N, C-alpha and C. Protein backbone atom coordinates (compact mmCIF):
# COMPACT_ATOMS: atom_id res chain seq x y z
N MET A 1 -26.45 16.26 -33.49
CA MET A 1 -27.12 15.03 -33.16
C MET A 1 -26.80 13.90 -34.11
N ARG A 2 -26.63 12.84 -33.68
CA ARG A 2 -26.18 11.62 -34.41
C ARG A 2 -27.32 10.26 -34.16
N VAL A 3 -27.42 9.56 -35.06
CA VAL A 3 -28.27 8.46 -34.90
C VAL A 3 -27.41 7.11 -35.51
N TRP A 4 -27.66 6.06 -34.82
CA TRP A 4 -27.07 4.84 -35.13
C TRP A 4 -27.94 3.63 -34.89
N ILE A 5 -27.82 2.72 -35.50
CA ILE A 5 -28.61 1.33 -35.50
C ILE A 5 -27.69 0.25 -34.97
N ASP A 6 -28.11 -0.77 -34.02
CA ASP A 6 -27.63 -2.00 -33.64
C ASP A 6 -28.20 -2.96 -34.56
N GLN A 7 -27.53 -3.17 -35.63
CA GLN A 7 -27.97 -4.29 -36.60
C GLN A 7 -28.12 -5.69 -36.01
N ALA A 8 -27.39 -6.15 -34.91
CA ALA A 8 -27.59 -7.29 -34.29
C ALA A 8 -28.94 -7.53 -33.81
N GLU A 9 -29.68 -6.37 -33.63
CA GLU A 9 -31.01 -6.48 -33.03
C GLU A 9 -32.23 -6.31 -34.17
N CYS A 10 -31.59 -5.72 -35.14
CA CYS A 10 -32.75 -5.25 -36.28
C CYS A 10 -33.24 -6.65 -36.94
N THR A 11 -34.52 -6.51 -37.15
CA THR A 11 -35.14 -7.55 -37.86
C THR A 11 -35.69 -7.21 -39.18
N GLY A 12 -35.46 -6.04 -39.62
CA GLY A 12 -35.74 -5.55 -40.87
C GLY A 12 -37.42 -5.19 -41.16
N VAL A 13 -37.91 -4.80 -39.94
CA VAL A 13 -39.37 -4.52 -40.14
C VAL A 13 -39.84 -3.39 -40.97
N GLY A 14 -38.92 -2.58 -40.90
CA GLY A 14 -39.12 -1.32 -41.86
C GLY A 14 -39.83 -0.08 -41.03
N ALA A 15 -40.16 -0.20 -39.79
CA ALA A 15 -40.88 0.95 -39.22
C ALA A 15 -40.07 2.34 -39.28
N CYS A 16 -38.79 2.00 -39.22
CA CYS A 16 -37.91 3.26 -39.36
C CYS A 16 -37.94 3.92 -40.71
N VAL A 17 -38.02 3.06 -41.86
CA VAL A 17 -38.29 3.68 -43.01
C VAL A 17 -39.69 4.40 -43.37
N ASP A 18 -40.75 3.63 -42.66
CA ASP A 18 -42.00 4.33 -42.81
C ASP A 18 -42.05 5.69 -42.05
N ALA A 19 -41.26 5.83 -40.94
CA ALA A 19 -41.14 7.29 -40.17
C ALA A 19 -40.23 8.04 -40.59
N CYS A 20 -39.16 7.63 -41.29
CA CYS A 20 -38.47 8.61 -41.99
C CYS A 20 -37.49 8.13 -43.14
N PRO A 21 -38.14 7.99 -44.42
CA PRO A 21 -37.55 7.32 -45.48
C PRO A 21 -36.47 8.22 -46.09
N GLN A 22 -36.28 9.33 -45.63
CA GLN A 22 -35.34 10.11 -46.15
C GLN A 22 -33.76 9.72 -45.56
N LEU A 23 -33.84 8.83 -44.51
CA LEU A 23 -32.66 8.68 -43.90
C LEU A 23 -32.44 7.17 -43.78
N PHE A 24 -33.61 6.39 -43.56
CA PHE A 24 -33.46 4.94 -43.40
C PHE A 24 -33.86 4.32 -44.56
N VAL A 25 -33.08 3.02 -44.83
CA VAL A 25 -33.46 2.11 -45.83
C VAL A 25 -33.12 0.76 -45.26
N VAL A 26 -33.95 -0.37 -45.88
CA VAL A 26 -33.70 -1.81 -45.59
C VAL A 26 -33.20 -2.41 -46.75
N ASP A 27 -32.09 -2.92 -46.64
CA ASP A 27 -31.46 -3.49 -47.74
C ASP A 27 -31.91 -4.75 -48.11
N ARG A 28 -32.19 -5.07 -49.33
CA ARG A 28 -32.93 -6.13 -49.91
C ARG A 28 -31.80 -7.51 -49.60
N SER A 29 -30.65 -7.29 -49.59
CA SER A 29 -29.72 -8.46 -49.65
C SER A 29 -29.62 -9.02 -48.35
N ASP A 30 -29.66 -8.15 -47.15
CA ASP A 30 -29.60 -8.81 -45.88
C ASP A 30 -30.77 -8.55 -45.00
N GLY A 31 -31.63 -7.71 -45.51
CA GLY A 31 -32.95 -7.58 -44.75
C GLY A 31 -32.65 -6.52 -43.55
N LEU A 32 -31.70 -6.02 -43.32
CA LEU A 32 -31.36 -5.07 -42.09
C LEU A 32 -31.46 -3.71 -42.57
N ALA A 33 -31.88 -2.71 -41.66
CA ALA A 33 -31.93 -1.22 -41.78
C ALA A 33 -30.57 -0.82 -41.90
N TYR A 34 -30.53 0.58 -42.64
CA TYR A 34 -29.31 1.19 -42.64
C TYR A 34 -29.60 2.52 -42.69
N ILE A 35 -28.55 3.53 -42.64
CA ILE A 35 -28.86 4.97 -42.51
C ILE A 35 -28.04 5.36 -43.77
N GLU A 36 -28.82 6.11 -44.52
CA GLU A 36 -28.12 6.59 -45.76
C GLU A 36 -28.25 8.38 -45.80
N THR A 37 -27.25 8.96 -45.85
CA THR A 37 -27.14 10.35 -45.78
C THR A 37 -25.86 10.81 -46.47
N GLY A 38 -26.15 12.06 -46.99
CA GLY A 38 -24.91 12.43 -47.61
C GLY A 38 -24.05 11.57 -48.78
N GLY A 39 -24.73 10.75 -49.24
CA GLY A 39 -24.16 9.89 -50.20
C GLY A 39 -23.42 8.82 -49.41
N LEU A 40 -23.53 8.59 -48.13
CA LEU A 40 -23.13 7.58 -47.52
C LEU A 40 -23.90 6.69 -46.77
N ARG A 41 -23.54 5.40 -46.43
CA ARG A 41 -24.33 4.39 -45.92
C ARG A 41 -23.61 3.99 -44.81
N TYR A 42 -24.41 4.06 -43.52
CA TYR A 42 -24.03 3.78 -42.28
C TYR A 42 -24.60 2.30 -41.86
N GLY A 43 -23.73 1.56 -41.24
CA GLY A 43 -24.10 0.23 -40.88
C GLY A 43 -24.18 0.14 -39.19
N SER A 44 -23.97 -1.05 -38.83
CA SER A 44 -24.16 -1.11 -37.32
C SER A 44 -23.18 -0.50 -36.41
N HIS A 45 -23.65 0.40 -35.64
CA HIS A 45 -22.84 1.14 -34.66
C HIS A 45 -22.10 2.12 -35.20
N GLN A 46 -22.43 2.61 -36.44
CA GLN A 46 -21.90 3.87 -37.14
C GLN A 46 -22.71 4.95 -37.09
N PRO A 47 -22.44 5.97 -36.03
CA PRO A 47 -23.13 7.14 -35.98
C PRO A 47 -23.28 7.95 -37.11
N ALA A 48 -24.49 8.38 -37.57
CA ALA A 48 -24.67 9.17 -38.77
C ALA A 48 -25.16 10.56 -38.20
N PRO A 49 -24.86 11.69 -38.88
CA PRO A 49 -25.38 12.94 -38.57
C PRO A 49 -26.75 13.13 -38.84
N ILE A 50 -27.53 13.89 -38.04
CA ILE A 50 -28.88 14.01 -38.34
C ILE A 50 -29.16 15.60 -38.75
N ASP A 51 -29.81 15.58 -40.03
CA ASP A 51 -30.12 16.85 -40.43
C ASP A 51 -31.27 17.46 -39.51
N PRO A 52 -31.10 18.61 -38.92
CA PRO A 52 -32.03 19.03 -37.79
C PRO A 52 -33.65 19.15 -38.27
N ALA A 53 -33.69 19.25 -39.74
CA ALA A 53 -35.00 19.19 -40.27
C ALA A 53 -35.64 17.69 -40.13
N LEU A 54 -34.83 16.69 -39.93
CA LEU A 54 -35.30 15.40 -39.84
C LEU A 54 -35.37 14.82 -38.45
N LEU A 55 -35.08 15.64 -37.56
CA LEU A 55 -34.96 15.20 -36.10
C LEU A 55 -36.16 14.52 -35.61
N GLU A 56 -37.24 15.32 -35.87
CA GLU A 56 -38.60 14.49 -35.33
C GLU A 56 -38.90 13.37 -35.98
N SER A 57 -38.67 13.34 -37.31
CA SER A 57 -38.77 11.94 -37.93
C SER A 57 -37.88 10.91 -37.38
N VAL A 58 -36.71 11.30 -37.31
CA VAL A 58 -35.53 10.20 -36.67
C VAL A 58 -36.28 9.70 -35.31
N ILE A 59 -36.74 10.67 -34.24
CA ILE A 59 -37.25 10.40 -33.03
C ILE A 59 -38.29 9.38 -33.29
N ASP A 60 -39.39 9.84 -34.19
CA ASP A 60 -40.35 8.74 -34.49
C ASP A 60 -39.91 7.39 -34.82
N ALA A 61 -38.86 7.30 -35.76
CA ALA A 61 -38.37 6.18 -36.27
C ALA A 61 -37.84 5.23 -34.78
N ALA A 62 -36.86 5.93 -34.16
CA ALA A 62 -36.59 5.22 -32.88
C ALA A 62 -37.61 4.66 -32.01
N GLU A 63 -38.65 5.63 -31.90
CA GLU A 63 -39.67 5.11 -30.81
C GLU A 63 -40.50 3.96 -31.70
N ASP A 64 -40.74 4.03 -32.94
CA ASP A 64 -41.59 3.14 -33.54
C ASP A 64 -40.83 1.75 -33.65
N CYS A 65 -39.58 1.64 -33.57
CA CYS A 65 -38.75 0.43 -33.92
C CYS A 65 -39.21 -0.63 -32.86
N PRO A 66 -39.77 -1.62 -33.34
CA PRO A 66 -40.15 -2.73 -32.47
C PRO A 66 -39.08 -3.60 -31.66
N GLN A 67 -37.88 -3.33 -32.39
CA GLN A 67 -36.70 -4.07 -31.76
C GLN A 67 -35.85 -3.01 -30.74
N ASP A 68 -36.30 -1.90 -30.69
CA ASP A 68 -35.61 -0.81 -29.83
C ASP A 68 -34.18 -0.90 -30.00
N CYS A 69 -33.76 -0.73 -31.60
CA CYS A 69 -32.34 -0.87 -31.87
C CYS A 69 -31.79 0.48 -32.67
N ILE A 70 -32.60 1.52 -32.54
CA ILE A 70 -32.19 2.76 -33.11
C ILE A 70 -31.87 3.72 -31.99
N PHE A 71 -30.74 4.48 -31.99
CA PHE A 71 -30.28 5.27 -30.91
C PHE A 71 -29.78 6.55 -31.38
N ILE A 72 -30.09 7.54 -30.67
CA ILE A 72 -29.90 9.03 -31.02
C ILE A 72 -29.14 9.54 -29.86
N ASP A 73 -28.11 10.29 -30.14
CA ASP A 73 -27.25 10.85 -29.11
C ASP A 73 -27.06 12.27 -29.49
N ASP A 74 -26.31 13.02 -28.62
CA ASP A 74 -26.19 14.52 -28.95
C ASP A 74 -24.58 14.74 -29.15
N ALA A 75 -23.95 13.66 -29.46
CA ALA A 75 -22.26 13.89 -29.77
C ALA A 75 -22.16 14.58 -30.92
N ALA A 76 -21.22 15.44 -31.11
CA ALA A 76 -20.86 16.18 -32.25
C ALA A 76 -20.12 15.40 -33.21
């Protein structure tokens, strides 16, 4: 499973961080959400792998996002 953010739609509300702080961050410099995992930061349209232990929290983050800009797919 992978997750990605469409940062063109992100307003930096931070609902994703509230739902899954282990994976999502809001950058103070641009106010946009990013995904951080494995020492890497993923920006707009950059699919990041989801740790299976975090899947439920990632789904919550996508569902809680007021801009609906978090996407989950099952691509390897």
